[in-house]
Every structure is written in C-alpha cells, then in structure tokens.
Amino acid sequence: MPTVTRIVVAPNAFKGTLTANEAAHAIADGVGDACRHADILMRPVADGGDGTVAAALTAGFTRHEATVSGPLGTAVRAAFAVRHDAAVLEMAEASGLRLVPPGRHEPLTASTTGTGELVRAALDAGARRLLLGAGGSATTDGGTGMLSALGISFLDRTGRILPPGGAALRHLYMIDTGGLDPRITQAEITVAADVDNPLLGPHGAAAVFGPQKGAGPADVAVLEDGLRTLVDRLGARPRGVLGLSARAAMVAASASASAGAGAGGGLGFGAMAFLGARVQAGAELLLDLAGFDAALDGADLVITGEGALDASTMRGKAPAAVARHAQAAGVPVIAVCGQVNVSPSAWREAGFTGVFSAQPVPAGAAARGMTGAPALISRAEAARALRRASAEAVRLVLP
C-alpha cells in the first residue's frame, strides 16, 4: 500500500480575499492535486485579527450577532462567539478595515465605537470572561471609541465630547471615567493581539500600521500626536482624569510601552489602561483554543500562509506562531502566501522550511522569497492561485 502522508493545513486569513477556512480548503485541494495519498487535517488559525470568531466557533462556541457602528459610523452586523460565561470578540467584525468601502479610507476619523458596542452585547449575553481580538482594524484611535461606547468621556478644553477618530485626540483635555459600565469591573478581559508593537514611536500603531489604513505621512504625524496626547493626559497630567487616582492614571499611562499596546490601532493600550485588560499574543491563545499542538502528533508536514508574509508576520501573527510550534514538534513547515515581503534568511530564522508565493512570479522565484504582483481581488482567482501554488510547493518539498 502507498505510504500515507499526514499534512496539517493551518493558514491564517488572506486579508481582503479569503477567510482562513476558505484558504484552508484551497490549500487542501492543492495538496490533493499533488499527493493523492495525503491525510489532510485542516486547522485554520487566527491571531486576533480576521478569523478570530470563526476559530472560536470551530472550538465549540455559539454564534451571536449584534448591530453596531462600523469604523466610519455606518451600521454593520457583527458576529461574536459565546460559550457559558466566555465570549470571543473580534474588533475586525465591528471596526475592521474590511468594512471600509474601496477608496473610502478615513484614517483620521475611523473609530472603534462599534467594538465597544460589541463588548456591551457580549456582557448583555451574560459573558464575564472576554477574549477580544485586536487586529485587522481600520482605526488608530487608541481604543477611545470603544471606551466611549462603554461610558468613558473624552472631552476638549471647553468640556465638549471629542468627535470620533485618532486625529481628535490632539484636542483631548479631560477624561471622565465615572460613567464606565459597572459590569466591566466584574469582567475578566484579555486582548488577543496580533502584533507586539508598542503604542508610540517608530514601531508604534500610527507609524507602522497607519499607512495600511490609508494614512499618508502627514496623517501619521497627526495620529501619533493624538495618541501621545492621550498618554500625556493620563501620565503627565493626572488631574485631567476624573474617576482615577493620580497613581492609577500614571500606571495606566505606562502601558503605552507594553508589547501589544499598539495592536488594533492602539486598542490594546486603551483596554489595558482603562479596562484592566491583559494583552497576550493572540496567535498563542487561539492555537491553544484550536488544539493545534495535538494536531501535530504524527504529522509529516505543516502548511500555513496569509495574504502577505512580511515583517509584521514575524512580530506575532499566526503563521509565525504555527512555524514555532511545528519546529518545536520537529515537523517541517512551509508557508504559501499571496506575497512574500521578507528575505529568505528572515523566514528561515522564523522556522519556515520554505516559503512560496501564490502570485505569478518567475519559475522558482517564489521559493527564493521573491514578491509577486499586487494582491488578488477576486475570491475565486485567489483560491485558484493558492491551490496551484500549494500543489507546486508540495511537489517540491515532499520526497
């Protein structure tokens, strides 16, 4: 009898084209094309960004929905997952970049208000342990929109509530926490961060992720100034915070330098500073939720992937976590991605055996880590390209 090869297929979402589940099926089809005797185990993964709720549903949670404010203020229908007193939420469902129409990027005014409304919906459903995925956002408001929806007021010098978005934070003068939903004090909140960036500086939320959300250099400077003002109002001017002691405000301000504070456009910082949340690596939390390590038992190969393998992948996204776990288990791991924007030395150091691009590039170039064409827009085209690339990759790496 032919030897059966066990292959674990564990991709992240391909942002803008395929969900993690759709990507897993496309890769599995490619594996089947190249290896007829493969035993394929699909384990789509997430890291706090797109696909976080789907990962929870796969793990046995029940789907709930709520109508909330989208990142530009238009009502959207957002899903979250509940099991007993635990809920898994995904800010991308309420404040995600995928909810912004093409050509409508508004990086200065996009708000996380809908994420706060989603938290309220989970509390209404009886959840008191909340896992909040912070990734895939269209926002850079430090989580202030979310906090406003939960009852905290951010005021200018005249006492008026600031308009939504990160740019308005430059005019922040007073923070009033007195109206915070009291259920928050009984809730245990964990932020699943898809990156480990701090809030401010060259590696912070505005500088690194602002351009992905449509922010030009001048916009990035405005957003950085707004986030810095938020921190200053907490730390340097504790009298400008109502409802928090000076010491508590100073401690909250110090969270800006914490790993993951810059996740979700600074939502990680807002959740830590005002809600007492812990921020943890989302990929690790969700791999554990999915029982990923058990899936590696007896595996011969792991295939992961995402839309673009780049520097941010190495800072905490799911494919890098998959590579670490596979490497620890002694299982070779390859990535099949839309684009490859890191050098071969970088992805080898991260634990990948090989990296392949699903974009049309010269023969053999993908395996050397070359970047392909711009991201595919058509879902069907993306699935076909991913299937072809996966088949080619398996033929190259399996004996």
Protein backbone atom coordinates (compact mmCIF):
# COMPACT_ATOMS: atom_id res chain seq x y z
CA MET A 1 0.00 0.00 0.00
CA PRO A 2 1.17 3.57 -0.67
CA THR A 3 2.58 5.43 2.33
CA VAL A 4 0.08 7.92 3.73
CA THR A 5 1.49 11.38 4.32
CA ARG A 6 -0.16 13.38 7.07
CA ILE A 7 -0.33 17.11 6.32
CA VAL A 8 -1.72 19.75 8.68
CA VAL A 9 -3.16 22.73 6.80
CA ALA A 10 -3.22 25.78 9.08
CA PRO A 11 -3.47 29.10 7.22
CA ASN A 12 -4.45 32.49 8.53
CA ALA A 13 -6.98 34.63 6.65
CA PHE A 14 -5.82 36.12 3.34
CA LYS A 15 -6.92 39.66 4.10
CA GLY A 16 -9.30 41.05 1.51
CA THR A 17 -9.74 37.79 -0.40
CA LEU A 18 -10.11 34.56 1.58
CA THR A 19 -11.12 33.64 5.10
CA ALA A 20 -8.84 31.24 6.94
CA ASN A 21 -11.35 28.45 6.31
CA GLU A 22 -11.55 29.22 2.58
CA ALA A 23 -7.76 29.36 2.37
CA ALA A 24 -7.51 26.01 4.16
CA HIS A 25 -9.81 24.39 1.61
CA ALA A 26 -7.87 25.88 -1.32
CA ILE A 27 -4.57 24.64 0.10
CA ALA A 28 -6.06 21.23 0.85
CA ASP A 29 -7.27 20.99 -2.76
CA GLY A 30 -3.74 21.76 -3.93
CA VAL A 31 -2.29 19.15 -1.60
CA GLY A 32 -4.74 16.61 -3.01
CA ASP A 33 -3.68 17.50 -6.56
CA ALA A 34 -0.03 16.86 -5.72
CA CYS A 35 -0.31 13.97 -3.27
CA ARG A 36 -3.18 11.57 -3.73
CA HIS A 37 -2.36 9.62 -0.60
CA ALA A 38 -2.27 12.56 1.79
CA ASP A 39 -4.16 12.52 5.07
CA ILE A 40 -5.12 16.19 5.36
CA LEU A 41 -6.05 17.74 8.69
CA MET A 42 -7.39 21.29 8.38
CA ARG A 43 -6.81 23.65 11.29
CA PRO A 44 -7.47 27.25 10.14
CA VAL A 45 -5.80 29.65 12.52
CA ALA A 46 -6.18 33.24 13.70
CA ASP A 47 -4.19 35.68 15.81
CA GLY A 48 -6.70 38.24 16.99
CA GLY A 49 -7.41 39.65 13.54
CA ASP A 50 -9.77 38.37 10.87
CA GLY A 51 -11.00 34.85 11.63
CA THR A 52 -10.80 35.02 15.42
CA VAL A 53 -14.54 34.44 15.91
CA ALA A 54 -14.52 31.68 13.29
CA ALA A 55 -11.75 29.92 15.23
CA ALA A 56 -13.88 30.06 18.38
CA LEU A 57 -16.91 28.64 16.55
CA THR A 58 -14.75 25.74 15.36
CA ALA A 59 -13.83 25.15 19.01
CA GLY A 60 -17.47 24.79 20.05
CA PHE A 61 -18.65 28.32 20.81
CA THR A 62 -22.10 29.52 19.68
CA ARG A 63 -22.51 32.34 17.18
CA HIS A 64 -24.25 35.56 18.25
CA GLU A 65 -24.75 38.78 16.29
CA ALA A 66 -25.30 42.45 17.08
CA THR A 67 -25.86 45.58 15.04
CA VAL A 68 -23.07 48.06 15.84
CA SER A 69 -21.40 51.16 14.41
CA GLY A 70 -18.85 50.39 11.72
CA PRO A 71 -15.48 52.19 11.58
CA LEU A 72 -16.97 55.06 9.54
CA GLY A 73 -20.19 55.23 11.55
CA THR A 74 -22.44 53.18 9.27
CA ALA A 75 -24.34 50.36 10.99
CA VAL A 76 -22.90 46.86 10.44
CA ARG A 77 -23.89 43.40 11.60
CA ALA A 78 -21.08 41.91 13.70
CA ALA A 79 -20.64 38.36 14.97
CA PHE A 80 -19.23 37.21 18.29
CA ALA A 81 -18.99 33.78 19.95
CA VAL A 82 -20.24 32.70 23.37
CA ARG A 83 -19.79 29.58 25.47
CA HIS A 84 -21.15 29.67 29.02
CA ASP A 85 -19.73 32.88 30.57
CA ALA A 86 -16.94 33.24 28.00
CA ALA A 87 -17.11 35.29 24.81
CA VAL A 88 -14.72 35.70 21.90
CA LEU A 89 -14.96 39.02 20.06
CA GLU A 90 -13.14 40.31 17.01
CA MET A 91 -12.70 44.03 16.53
CA ALA A 92 -12.37 43.42 12.79
CA GLU A 93 -16.07 42.47 12.85
CA ALA A 94 -17.02 45.93 14.10
CA SER A 95 -14.10 48.25 13.33
CA GLY A 96 -12.28 46.33 10.62
CA LEU A 97 -10.51 47.55 7.53
CA ARG A 98 -12.56 45.07 5.53
CA LEU A 99 -15.67 47.11 6.39
CA VAL A 100 -14.32 50.24 4.67
CA PRO A 101 -15.53 50.62 1.06
CA PRO A 102 -12.81 50.86 -1.60
CA GLY A 103 -11.48 54.39 -1.85
CA ARG A 104 -13.17 55.47 1.41
CA HIS A 105 -10.27 55.15 3.84
CA GLU A 106 -10.64 57.73 6.60
CA PRO A 107 -7.68 57.07 8.90
CA LEU A 108 -8.09 60.28 10.90
CA THR A 109 -11.74 59.76 11.87
CA ALA A 110 -12.25 55.96 11.81
CA SER A 111 -13.49 54.85 15.23
CA THR A 112 -13.65 51.76 17.45
CA THR A 113 -17.10 52.72 18.79
CA GLY A 114 -18.61 49.56 17.32
CA THR A 115 -16.10 47.40 19.17
CA GLY A 116 -17.31 48.90 22.45
CA GLU A 117 -20.89 48.21 21.41
CA LEU A 118 -19.87 44.62 20.67
CA VAL A 119 -18.37 44.32 24.16
CA ARG A 120 -21.67 45.57 25.59
CA ALA A 121 -23.57 42.98 23.55
CA ALA A 122 -21.35 40.22 24.97
CA LEU A 123 -21.96 41.50 28.50
CA ASP A 124 -25.70 41.55 27.76
CA ALA A 125 -25.40 37.89 26.68
CA GLY A 126 -24.06 37.03 30.13
CA ALA A 127 -20.35 36.84 29.30
CA ARG A 128 -17.93 37.84 32.02
CA ARG A 129 -14.74 36.42 30.50
CA LEU A 130 -14.00 38.23 27.28
CA LEU A 131 -11.30 37.44 24.73
CA LEU A 132 -11.08 40.46 22.44
CA GLY A 133 -9.18 40.04 19.18
CA ALA A 134 -7.27 43.22 18.31
CA GLY A 135 -6.26 43.10 14.68
CA GLY A 136 -7.42 43.92 11.18
CA SER A 137 -8.68 47.34 12.25
CA ALA A 138 -9.32 50.46 10.17
CA THR A 139 -8.69 52.63 13.23
CA THR A 140 -5.93 54.45 15.11
CA ASP A 141 -7.88 55.97 17.98
CA GLY A 142 -6.19 54.27 20.95
CA GLY A 143 -9.43 52.40 21.65
CA THR A 144 -11.15 55.63 22.71
CA GLY A 145 -14.19 54.91 20.54
CA MET A 146 -14.60 51.56 22.29
CA LEU A 147 -14.18 53.22 25.68
CA SER A 148 -16.71 55.93 24.81
CA ALA A 149 -19.28 53.25 23.99
CA LEU A 150 -18.60 51.75 27.42
CA GLY A 151 -19.25 55.07 29.18
CA ILE A 152 -15.92 56.94 29.38
CA SER A 153 -16.00 60.56 28.16
CA PHE A 154 -13.10 62.21 26.30
CA LEU A 155 -13.51 65.99 26.44
CA ASP A 156 -11.86 69.05 24.94
CA ARG A 157 -10.92 72.22 26.84
CA THR A 158 -14.50 73.54 26.62
CA GLY A 159 -15.99 70.35 28.08
CA ARG A 160 -17.38 69.08 24.80
CA ILE A 161 -17.07 65.42 23.85
CA LEU A 162 -14.44 64.87 21.18
CA PRO A 163 -15.58 63.68 17.75
CA PRO A 164 -14.58 60.13 16.78
CA GLY A 165 -11.16 59.17 15.49
CA GLY A 166 -7.50 59.48 16.35
CA ALA A 167 -6.99 62.99 14.98
CA ALA A 168 -9.40 64.50 17.52
CA LEU A 169 -7.25 63.23 20.40
CA ARG A 170 -4.87 66.14 19.80
CA HIS A 171 -7.52 68.29 21.47
CA LEU A 172 -8.04 66.00 24.46
CA TYR A 173 -8.07 67.90 27.76
CA MET A 174 -10.14 65.88 30.21
CA ILE A 175 -11.08 62.20 30.64
CA ASP A 176 -14.11 61.26 32.77
CA THR A 177 -14.28 57.57 33.68
CA GLY A 178 -17.26 57.95 36.01
CA GLY A 179 -19.78 56.58 33.51
CA LEU A 180 -17.93 53.32 32.78
CA ASP A 181 -20.31 50.35 32.55
CA PRO A 182 -20.09 48.80 36.06
CA ARG A 183 -20.17 45.29 34.61
CA ILE A 184 -16.61 45.88 33.37
CA THR A 185 -15.35 45.71 36.95
CA GLN A 186 -16.69 42.16 37.23
CA ALA A 187 -15.35 41.09 33.84
CA GLU A 188 -12.06 39.44 33.01
CA ILE A 189 -10.81 40.88 29.72
CA THR A 190 -7.95 39.52 27.65
CA VAL A 191 -6.84 41.23 24.46
CA ALA A 192 -5.56 38.83 21.81
CA ALA A 193 -3.01 40.97 19.99
CA ASP A 194 -1.89 40.02 16.50
CA VAL A 195 1.33 42.05 16.88
CA ASP A 196 3.65 43.03 19.74
CA ASN A 197 4.17 46.69 18.80
CA PRO A 198 4.07 49.42 21.46
CA LEU A 199 1.67 52.34 21.17
CA LEU A 200 4.08 55.14 20.21
CA GLY A 201 7.23 55.77 18.22
CA PRO A 202 8.70 54.34 15.02
CA HIS A 203 7.37 50.87 15.83
CA GLY A 204 4.03 52.12 17.14
CA ALA A 205 0.44 51.99 15.98
CA ALA A 206 0.46 55.11 13.78
CA ALA A 207 3.91 54.75 12.20
CA VAL A 208 3.71 51.05 11.33
CA PHE A 209 0.04 50.42 10.66
CA GLY A 210 -1.34 53.85 9.76
CA PRO A 211 -0.19 53.60 6.12
CA GLN A 212 -2.01 50.27 5.76
CA LYS A 213 -5.20 52.13 6.72
CA GLY A 214 -4.76 54.91 4.19
CA ALA A 215 -2.70 57.35 6.27
CA GLY A 216 -0.11 59.43 4.44
CA PRO A 217 2.99 60.83 6.21
CA ALA A 218 1.13 63.93 7.42
CA ASP A 219 -1.76 61.79 8.68
CA VAL A 220 0.65 59.52 10.54
CA ALA A 221 2.12 62.55 12.31
CA VAL A 222 -1.37 63.72 13.32
CA LEU A 223 -2.33 60.28 14.64
CA GLU A 224 0.94 59.94 16.55
CA ASP A 225 0.35 63.35 18.14
CA GLY A 226 -3.18 62.31 19.16
CA LEU A 227 -2.03 59.06 20.76
CA ARG A 228 0.78 60.85 22.56
CA THR A 229 -1.69 63.41 23.91
CA LEU A 230 -3.85 60.57 25.25
CA VAL A 231 -0.86 59.14 27.14
CA ASP A 232 0.18 62.58 28.39
CA ARG A 233 -3.27 63.29 29.78
CA LEU A 234 -3.05 60.07 31.77
CA GLY A 235 0.53 60.32 32.96
CA ALA A 236 1.81 63.87 32.98
CA ARG A 237 -1.49 65.50 33.95
CA PRO A 238 -3.33 63.08 36.26
CA ARG A 239 -5.64 65.87 37.45
CA GLY A 240 -7.15 65.77 33.97
CA VAL A 241 -8.60 62.32 34.61
CA LEU A 242 -11.81 62.13 36.62
CA GLY A 243 -12.56 58.84 38.35
CA LEU A 244 -8.94 57.63 38.53
CA SER A 245 -6.41 58.36 41.25
CA ALA A 246 -3.19 60.07 40.20
CA ARG A 247 -1.30 56.83 40.84
CA ALA A 248 -3.75 54.77 38.79
CA ALA A 249 -3.50 57.26 35.93
CA MET A 250 0.29 57.10 35.97
CA VAL A 251 0.23 53.31 35.96
CA ALA A 252 -2.25 53.35 33.07
CA ALA A 253 -0.03 55.69 31.05
CA SER A 254 2.94 53.35 31.46
CA ALA A 255 1.04 50.70 29.47
CA SER A 256 1.86 52.60 26.28
CA ALA A 257 5.29 50.93 26.12
CA SER A 258 3.92 47.42 26.67
CA ALA A 259 4.10 44.80 23.94
CA GLY A 260 0.78 44.75 22.11
CA ALA A 261 -0.28 48.24 23.20
CA GLY A 262 -0.20 49.28 19.53
CA ALA A 263 -2.41 46.39 18.38
CA GLY A 264 -5.71 47.36 16.80
CA GLY A 265 -4.62 50.96 16.27
CA GLY A 266 -3.86 51.32 19.98
CA LEU A 267 -6.93 49.47 21.21
CA GLY A 268 -4.55 47.25 23.19
CA PHE A 269 -3.40 50.31 25.13
CA GLY A 270 -6.94 51.58 25.74
CA ALA A 271 -8.07 48.22 27.05
CA MET A 272 -5.08 47.90 29.38
CA ALA A 273 -5.18 51.47 30.65
CA PHE A 274 -8.92 51.81 31.28
CA LEU A 275 -10.42 48.30 31.45
CA GLY A 276 -7.68 46.45 33.33
CA ALA A 277 -7.22 44.06 30.41
CA ARG A 278 -4.28 41.76 29.91
CA VAL A 279 -2.71 41.77 26.45
CA GLN A 280 -1.36 38.45 25.22
CA ALA A 281 -0.12 37.06 21.93
CA GLY A 282 -3.33 36.29 20.07
CA ALA A 283 -1.82 33.56 17.94
CA GLU A 284 -0.75 31.58 21.00
CA LEU A 285 -4.16 31.94 22.66
CA LEU A 286 -6.02 30.83 19.56
CA LEU A 287 -3.67 27.97 18.67
CA ASP A 288 -4.32 26.65 22.16
CA LEU A 289 -8.08 27.14 21.71
CA ALA A 290 -7.92 25.12 18.46
CA GLY A 291 -5.85 22.29 19.97
CA PHE A 292 -3.10 22.88 17.40
CA ASP A 293 -0.30 21.06 19.23
CA ALA A 294 -2.36 17.87 19.37
CA ALA A 295 -2.89 18.12 15.61
CA LEU A 296 0.89 17.98 15.08
CA ASP A 297 1.13 14.48 16.52
CA GLY A 298 2.22 12.19 13.66
CA ALA A 299 2.28 14.99 11.09
CA ASP A 300 4.80 14.92 8.23
CA LEU A 301 4.31 18.50 7.06
CA VAL A 302 2.52 21.70 8.10
CA ILE A 303 1.34 24.26 5.56
CA THR A 304 0.40 27.73 6.72
CA GLY A 305 0.02 31.07 4.95
CA GLU A 306 -1.57 34.51 4.82
CA GLY A 307 -2.09 37.34 2.36
CA ALA A 308 1.37 38.83 2.79
CA LEU A 309 4.30 37.36 4.67
CA ASP A 310 6.15 40.46 5.88
CA ALA A 311 7.89 42.00 8.87
CA SER A 312 4.64 42.20 10.84
CA THR A 313 4.23 38.43 10.47
CA MET A 314 7.37 37.97 12.49
CA ARG A 315 6.02 40.25 15.25
CA GLY A 316 3.29 37.87 16.42
CA LYS A 317 0.98 36.89 13.58
CA ALA A 318 -0.41 33.37 13.28
CA PRO A 319 1.89 31.89 10.57
CA ALA A 320 4.98 32.69 12.66
CA ALA A 321 3.38 31.05 15.70
CA VAL A 322 2.48 28.00 13.60
CA ALA A 323 6.11 27.79 12.48
CA ARG A 324 7.37 27.96 16.07
CA HIS A 325 5.05 25.20 17.25
CA ALA A 326 5.81 22.99 14.26
CA GLN A 327 9.55 23.49 14.68
CA ALA A 328 9.30 22.59 18.38
CA ALA A 329 7.47 19.40 17.42
CA GLY A 330 10.09 18.52 14.79
CA VAL A 331 7.65 18.90 11.90
CA PRO A 332 8.74 20.82 8.77
CA VAL A 333 6.55 23.82 7.97
CA ILE A 334 6.10 25.79 4.76
CA ALA A 335 4.10 28.93 4.02
CA VAL A 336 2.11 29.62 0.86
CA CYS A 337 1.24 33.31 0.74
CA GLY A 338 -0.18 35.91 -1.57
CA GLN A 339 3.00 37.97 -1.38
CA VAL A 340 6.39 37.39 0.21
CA ASN A 341 7.99 40.57 1.50
CA VAL A 342 10.76 39.21 3.73
CA SER A 343 14.14 37.76 2.86
CA PRO A 344 14.84 34.02 2.86
CA SER A 345 17.19 34.47 5.82
CA ALA A 346 14.36 36.11 7.82
CA TRP A 347 11.80 33.40 7.16
CA ARG A 348 14.33 30.63 7.77
CA GLU A 349 15.21 32.21 11.11
CA ALA A 350 11.47 32.21 11.94
CA GLY A 351 11.41 28.42 11.46
CA PHE A 352 9.99 28.03 7.95
CA THR A 353 11.40 25.25 5.78
CA GLY A 354 10.17 27.01 2.65
CA VAL A 355 8.06 29.98 1.61
CA PHE A 356 6.11 30.18 -1.65
CA SER A 357 4.13 32.94 -3.32
CA ALA A 358 0.73 32.34 -4.90
CA GLN A 359 1.30 35.31 -7.18
CA PRO A 360 2.51 34.86 -10.75
CA VAL A 361 6.29 35.21 -10.48
CA PRO A 362 9.16 33.70 -12.49
CA ALA A 363 9.66 29.98 -12.07
CA GLY A 364 11.46 29.18 -8.84
CA ALA A 365 11.38 32.78 -7.62
CA ALA A 366 8.65 32.18 -5.06
CA ALA A 367 10.74 29.56 -3.30
CA ARG A 368 13.52 32.14 -3.02
CA GLY A 369 11.21 34.58 -1.28
CA MET A 370 10.52 37.00 -4.14
CA THR A 371 7.48 39.24 -4.06
CA GLY A 372 4.66 38.66 -6.52
CA ALA A 373 2.21 41.03 -8.19
CA PRO A 374 -0.32 43.14 -6.24
CA ALA A 375 -2.82 41.20 -4.14
CA LEU A 376 -5.57 39.39 -5.98
CA ILE A 377 -9.04 40.90 -5.56
CA SER A 378 -11.28 38.14 -6.90
CA ARG A 379 -12.02 35.48 -4.29
CA ALA A 380 -12.24 32.77 -6.95
CA GLU A 381 -8.94 33.84 -8.54
CA ALA A 382 -7.24 33.89 -5.15
CA ALA A 383 -8.47 30.38 -4.35
CA ARG A 384 -7.28 29.03 -7.70
CA ALA A 385 -3.87 30.67 -7.36
CA LEU A 386 -3.48 29.36 -3.82
CA ARG A 387 -4.45 25.86 -4.92
CA ARG A 388 -1.88 25.89 -7.75
CA ALA A 389 0.90 27.26 -5.57
CA SER A 390 0.16 24.74 -2.82
CA ALA A 391 0.36 21.86 -5.28
CA GLU A 392 3.68 23.12 -6.63
CA ALA A 393 5.05 23.60 -3.12
CA VAL A 394 4.10 20.09 -2.02
CA ARG A 395 5.73 18.59 -5.12
CA LEU A 396 8.92 20.44 -4.31
CA VAL A 397 9.17 19.66 -0.59
CA LEU A 398 7.87 16.09 -0.34
CA PRO A 399 10.11 13.23 -1.45
